[in-house]
Protein backbone atom coordinates (compact mmCIF):
# COMPACT_ATOMS: atom_id res chain seq x y z
CA MET A 1 -23.98 17.28 15.15
CA SER A 2 -23.65 13.65 14.51
CA ALA A 3 -20.44 11.59 14.83
CA ALA A 4 -18.31 11.01 11.56
CA ARG A 5 -18.98 7.72 10.06
CA ALA A 6 -15.91 5.54 9.99
CA TRP A 7 -15.17 3.55 6.66
CA HIS A 8 -13.21 0.31 5.85
CA ALA A 9 -10.80 0.99 3.13
CA LEU A 10 -9.72 -1.13 0.25
CA VAL A 11 -6.24 -0.53 -1.20
CA LEU A 12 -5.37 -2.04 -4.48
CA GLY A 13 -1.73 -2.72 -5.20
CA GLY A 14 -1.91 -5.01 -8.19
CA SER A 15 -0.46 -4.82 -11.61
CA ARG A 16 -2.10 -4.53 -14.93
CA LYS A 17 0.68 -5.77 -17.15
CA PRO A 18 3.89 -8.00 -16.45
CA HIS A 19 6.52 -5.15 -17.47
CA ASP A 20 5.10 -1.91 -15.74
CA PRO A 21 7.34 0.90 -16.81
CA VAL A 22 7.32 2.53 -13.34
CA ALA A 23 8.14 -0.77 -11.51
CA ALA A 24 10.88 -1.28 -13.99
CA ALA A 25 12.45 2.14 -13.53
CA ALA A 26 12.17 1.94 -9.86
CA GLY A 27 13.43 -1.66 -9.87
CA VAL A 28 10.49 -3.29 -8.03
CA SER A 29 8.02 -5.81 -8.84
CA ILE A 30 4.94 -3.97 -8.92
CA LYS A 31 4.18 -0.08 -9.15
CA ALA A 32 2.67 0.07 -5.90
CA PHE A 33 6.22 -0.47 -4.32
CA ALA A 34 8.09 2.22 -6.42
CA ARG A 35 9.42 4.93 -3.85
CA VAL A 36 8.62 8.26 -3.79
CA GLY A 37 10.74 10.38 -1.64
CA GLY A 38 12.18 7.04 -0.17
CA THR A 39 8.94 5.48 0.88
CA PRO A 40 7.05 3.03 -1.29
CA MET A 41 3.75 4.50 -2.78
CA ILE A 42 1.71 1.97 -1.08
CA GLU A 43 2.94 2.73 2.21
CA ARG A 44 2.06 6.36 1.92
CA VAL A 45 -1.39 5.42 1.04
CA VAL A 46 -1.96 3.23 3.77
CA ALA A 47 -0.48 6.01 6.10
CA ALA A 48 -2.69 8.60 4.87
CA LEU A 49 -5.63 6.52 5.30
CA ALA A 50 -4.79 5.31 8.95
CA ASP A 51 -3.94 8.99 9.85
CA SER A 52 -7.25 10.10 8.43
CA GLY A 53 -9.15 9.54 11.52
CA ARG A 54 -12.02 8.26 9.22
CA ILE A 55 -11.05 4.68 8.43
CA ASP A 56 -11.87 1.78 10.82
CA GLY A 57 -9.96 -0.81 8.88
CA ILE A 58 -7.60 -1.10 5.74
CA THR A 59 -7.47 -4.28 3.48
CA VAL A 60 -4.55 -4.33 1.33
CA CYS A 61 -4.72 -6.48 -1.98
CA LEU A 62 -1.42 -7.36 -3.69
CA PRO A 63 -0.46 -10.17 -6.00
CA GLY A 64 0.35 -13.50 -4.26
CA ALA A 65 3.97 -13.64 -4.94
CA ALA A 66 4.64 -9.68 -4.31
CA PRO A 67 7.99 -9.48 -2.19
CA VAL A 68 6.52 -7.25 0.34
CA ASP A 69 9.13 -7.94 3.27
CA ALA A 70 11.82 -6.98 0.60
CA GLU A 71 10.23 -4.10 -1.30
CA ALA A 72 7.93 -2.57 1.08
CA PRO A 73 9.17 -3.34 4.56
CA GLY A 74 7.01 -0.69 6.42
CA LEU A 75 3.95 -2.34 4.98
CA ALA A 76 5.10 -5.80 6.04
CA ALA A 77 5.43 -4.67 9.50
CA ALA A 78 1.95 -3.02 9.52
CA LEU A 79 0.42 -6.16 8.21
CA ARG A 80 2.11 -8.46 10.82
CA ASP A 81 1.06 -5.91 13.69
CA GLY A 82 -2.40 -5.56 12.40
């Protein structure tokens, strides 16, 4: 049996329109930062990928002005720590 192949994941956290109703209801700048069960959605996605055992790297794409430190502090820490 061969070893499982590792993949590089690309997580897109952009916004398609300036006034997203989910982001507005959650009080955040982009929908990816909306909290589900107290955790920003994008942090859940990144954690699931990291914990899968099949991903050898994760690239996160966000709008340049996204306030990551304020709205997704767990993601900000992960990005700093590599």
